[in-house]
N, C-alpha and C. Protein backbone atom coordinates (compact mmCIF):
# COMPACT_ATOMS: atom_id res chain seq x y z
N MET A 1 21.17 -6.51 -92.34
CA MET A 1 20.52 -5.69 -91.33
C MET A 1 20.17 -4.34 -91.94
N ALA A 2 18.99 -3.86 -91.69
CA ALA A 2 18.57 -2.55 -92.18
C ALA A 2 18.95 -1.49 -91.16
N TYR A 3 19.80 -0.57 -91.60
CA TYR A 3 20.24 0.50 -90.72
C TYR A 3 19.29 1.68 -90.83
N THR A 4 19.31 2.54 -89.82
CA THR A 4 18.49 3.75 -89.82
C THR A 4 19.40 4.96 -89.70
N GLN A 5 18.82 6.11 -89.95
CA GLN A 5 19.56 7.36 -89.80
C GLN A 5 20.02 7.54 -88.35
N ALA A 6 19.23 7.06 -87.41
CA ALA A 6 19.59 7.16 -85.99
C ALA A 6 20.85 6.34 -85.69
N ASP A 7 20.99 5.19 -86.34
CA ASP A 7 22.20 4.38 -86.17
C ASP A 7 23.43 5.15 -86.64
N LEU A 8 23.31 5.78 -87.80
CA LEU A 8 24.41 6.56 -88.34
C LEU A 8 24.76 7.71 -87.41
N GLU A 9 23.75 8.40 -86.92
CA GLU A 9 24.00 9.53 -86.03
C GLU A 9 24.65 9.09 -84.73
N ALA A 10 24.28 7.92 -84.21
CA ALA A 10 24.90 7.40 -82.98
C ALA A 10 26.37 7.09 -83.22
N LEU A 11 26.68 6.50 -84.36
CA LEU A 11 28.08 6.20 -84.69
C LEU A 11 28.90 7.48 -84.85
N GLN A 12 28.33 8.47 -85.54
CA GLN A 12 29.05 9.72 -85.75
C GLN A 12 29.24 10.48 -84.44
N ALA A 13 28.25 10.43 -83.56
CA ALA A 13 28.38 11.10 -82.26
C ALA A 13 29.47 10.44 -81.42
N ALA A 14 29.54 9.12 -81.45
CA ALA A 14 30.58 8.41 -80.71
C ALA A 14 31.96 8.77 -81.25
N LEU A 15 32.09 8.85 -82.56
CA LEU A 15 33.36 9.22 -83.17
C LEU A 15 33.75 10.64 -82.78
N ALA A 16 32.78 11.55 -82.78
CA ALA A 16 33.06 12.95 -82.42
C ALA A 16 33.49 13.08 -80.97
N LYS A 17 32.96 12.24 -80.10
CA LYS A 17 33.32 12.28 -78.68
C LYS A 17 34.58 11.49 -78.37
N GLY A 18 35.05 10.72 -79.33
CA GLY A 18 36.23 9.89 -79.11
C GLY A 18 35.92 8.60 -78.39
N GLU A 19 34.66 8.21 -78.37
CA GLU A 19 34.25 6.97 -77.71
C GLU A 19 34.31 5.81 -78.69
N LYS A 20 34.47 4.62 -78.16
CA LYS A 20 34.47 3.42 -79.00
C LYS A 20 33.25 2.56 -78.73
N ARG A 21 32.44 2.93 -77.76
CA ARG A 21 31.24 2.17 -77.40
C ARG A 21 30.01 2.92 -77.90
N VAL A 22 29.15 2.21 -78.62
CA VAL A 22 27.95 2.81 -79.20
C VAL A 22 26.75 1.96 -78.80
N SER A 23 25.66 2.64 -78.41
CA SER A 23 24.43 1.94 -78.05
C SER A 23 23.38 2.17 -79.12
N PHE A 24 22.75 1.08 -79.55
CA PHE A 24 21.66 1.11 -80.52
C PHE A 24 20.45 0.51 -79.83
N GLY A 25 19.63 1.35 -79.23
CA GLY A 25 18.46 0.84 -78.52
C GLY A 25 18.89 0.01 -77.33
N ASP A 26 18.63 -1.30 -77.38
CA ASP A 26 18.99 -2.17 -76.27
C ASP A 26 20.32 -2.91 -76.50
N LYS A 27 21.00 -2.61 -77.60
CA LYS A 27 22.28 -3.26 -77.92
C LYS A 27 23.43 -2.27 -77.76
N THR A 28 24.57 -2.77 -77.31
CA THR A 28 25.77 -1.96 -77.19
C THR A 28 26.91 -2.67 -77.92
N VAL A 29 27.64 -1.89 -78.71
CA VAL A 29 28.76 -2.42 -79.47
C VAL A 29 30.00 -1.63 -79.07
N GLU A 30 31.09 -2.34 -78.82
CA GLU A 30 32.35 -1.67 -78.52
C GLU A 30 33.33 -1.99 -79.64
N TYR A 31 33.81 -0.95 -80.32
CA TYR A 31 34.75 -1.11 -81.42
C TYR A 31 36.17 -1.12 -80.87
N ARG A 32 37.06 -1.85 -81.53
CA ARG A 32 38.43 -2.00 -81.05
C ARG A 32 39.28 -0.78 -81.34
N SER A 33 38.97 -0.06 -82.41
CA SER A 33 39.78 1.09 -82.78
C SER A 33 38.91 2.14 -83.46
N VAL A 34 39.48 3.31 -83.62
CA VAL A 34 38.78 4.39 -84.32
C VAL A 34 38.59 4.01 -85.79
N GLU A 35 39.58 3.34 -86.35
CA GLU A 35 39.48 2.92 -87.75
C GLU A 35 38.31 1.96 -87.95
N GLU A 36 38.10 1.07 -87.00
CA GLU A 36 36.98 0.13 -87.09
C GLU A 36 35.65 0.88 -86.99
N LEU A 37 35.60 1.90 -86.15
CA LEU A 37 34.39 2.73 -86.03
C LEU A 37 34.14 3.50 -87.32
N GLN A 38 35.20 4.04 -87.92
CA GLN A 38 35.05 4.74 -89.19
C GLN A 38 34.60 3.80 -90.30
N ALA A 39 35.09 2.58 -90.29
CA ALA A 39 34.66 1.58 -91.28
C ALA A 39 33.17 1.26 -91.10
N ALA A 40 32.72 1.20 -89.85
CA ALA A 40 31.30 0.95 -89.59
C ALA A 40 30.45 2.10 -90.10
N ILE A 41 30.92 3.33 -89.93
CA ILE A 41 30.19 4.50 -90.43
C ILE A 41 30.08 4.43 -91.96
N ARG A 42 31.20 4.10 -92.62
CA ARG A 42 31.16 3.98 -94.09
C ARG A 42 30.17 2.91 -94.53
N GLN A 43 30.15 1.78 -93.82
CA GLN A 43 29.24 0.69 -94.16
C GLN A 43 27.78 1.10 -93.99
N VAL A 44 27.48 1.79 -92.90
CA VAL A 44 26.11 2.23 -92.65
C VAL A 44 25.69 3.25 -93.71
N LYS A 45 26.58 4.18 -94.05
CA LYS A 45 26.26 5.16 -95.10
C LYS A 45 25.98 4.47 -96.43
N ARG A 46 26.82 3.49 -96.76
CA ARG A 46 26.64 2.75 -98.02
C ARG A 46 25.31 2.00 -98.02
N ASP A 47 24.98 1.35 -96.91
CA ASP A 47 23.72 0.61 -96.83
C ASP A 47 22.51 1.54 -96.87
N LEU A 48 22.60 2.69 -96.21
CA LEU A 48 21.49 3.66 -96.26
C LEU A 48 21.28 4.16 -97.68
N PHE A 49 22.37 4.41 -98.40
CA PHE A 49 22.26 4.86 -99.78
C PHE A 49 21.61 3.77 -100.64
N GLU A 50 22.04 2.52 -100.46
CA GLU A 50 21.47 1.42 -101.24
C GLU A 50 19.98 1.23 -100.93
N GLN A 51 19.60 1.42 -99.66
CA GLN A 51 18.18 1.34 -99.29
C GLN A 51 17.39 2.45 -99.97
N ALA A 52 17.97 3.65 -100.01
CA ALA A 52 17.28 4.79 -100.63
C ALA A 52 17.10 4.57 -102.13
N VAL A 53 18.12 4.03 -102.77
CA VAL A 53 18.02 3.76 -104.21
C VAL A 53 16.99 2.67 -104.47
N ALA A 54 16.99 1.63 -103.64
CA ALA A 54 16.06 0.50 -103.84
C ALA A 54 14.61 0.93 -103.65
N THR A 55 14.36 1.87 -102.76
CA THR A 55 12.98 2.30 -102.51
C THR A 55 12.57 3.48 -103.39
N GLY A 56 13.50 3.99 -104.19
CA GLY A 56 13.17 5.09 -105.08
C GLY A 56 13.28 6.46 -104.44
N LEU A 57 13.78 6.53 -103.20
CA LEU A 57 13.94 7.83 -102.55
C LEU A 57 15.12 8.60 -103.11
N TRP A 58 16.06 7.89 -103.71
CA TRP A 58 17.24 8.51 -104.29
C TRP A 58 17.36 7.96 -105.70
N PRO A 59 17.46 8.81 -106.66
CA PRO A 59 17.56 8.28 -108.03
C PRO A 59 18.88 7.56 -108.23
N GLY A 60 18.84 6.56 -109.06
CA GLY A 60 20.05 5.81 -109.37
C GLY A 60 20.98 6.64 -110.23
N ALA A 61 21.96 6.02 -110.75
CA ALA A 61 22.93 6.72 -111.59
C ALA A 61 22.21 7.28 -112.81
N PRO A 62 22.50 8.52 -113.16
CA PRO A 62 21.85 9.10 -114.33
C PRO A 62 22.32 8.41 -115.60
N ARG A 63 21.40 8.26 -116.52
CA ARG A 63 21.75 7.67 -117.80
C ARG A 63 22.17 8.78 -118.75
N GLN A 64 23.20 8.52 -119.48
CA GLN A 64 23.70 9.52 -120.40
C GLN A 64 23.76 8.94 -121.80
N ILE A 65 23.38 9.76 -122.74
CA ILE A 65 23.51 9.38 -124.14
C ILE A 65 24.44 10.40 -124.77
N ARG A 66 25.52 9.93 -125.30
CA ARG A 66 26.49 10.83 -125.91
C ARG A 66 26.49 10.59 -127.42
N ILE A 67 26.38 11.68 -128.14
CA ILE A 67 26.35 11.61 -129.60
C ILE A 67 27.59 12.30 -130.12
N HIS A 68 28.34 11.60 -130.92
CA HIS A 68 29.54 12.16 -131.52
C HIS A 68 29.29 12.27 -133.03
N THR A 69 29.53 13.46 -133.54
CA THR A 69 29.34 13.67 -134.98
C THR A 69 30.64 14.21 -135.58
N ARG A 70 30.73 14.07 -136.87
CA ARG A 70 31.88 14.56 -137.57
C ARG A 70 31.43 15.02 -138.95
N LYS A 71 32.02 16.11 -139.40
CA LYS A 71 31.68 16.61 -140.73
C LYS A 71 32.24 15.68 -141.78
N ALA A 72 31.45 15.48 -142.81
CA ALA A 72 31.92 14.67 -143.94
C ALA A 72 32.82 15.54 -144.81
N THR A 73 33.90 14.98 -145.27
CA THR A 73 34.79 15.77 -146.13
C THR A 73 34.77 15.28 -147.54
């Protein structure tokens, strides 16, 4: 499922209010615990980041080239 920033904001608002029920458009989800709601927030954040990387909106991991030198004796 492709998540949106609005989905993330709805989850975070529910957590801030102490609610366990979140509405996404015409769908409503009720989480069993705060931990489950926090896990959903982490999942949505992870998926949004992966979508951003896949579309090029967020650069992937930077490539590093490390050069080690030593004086000859």
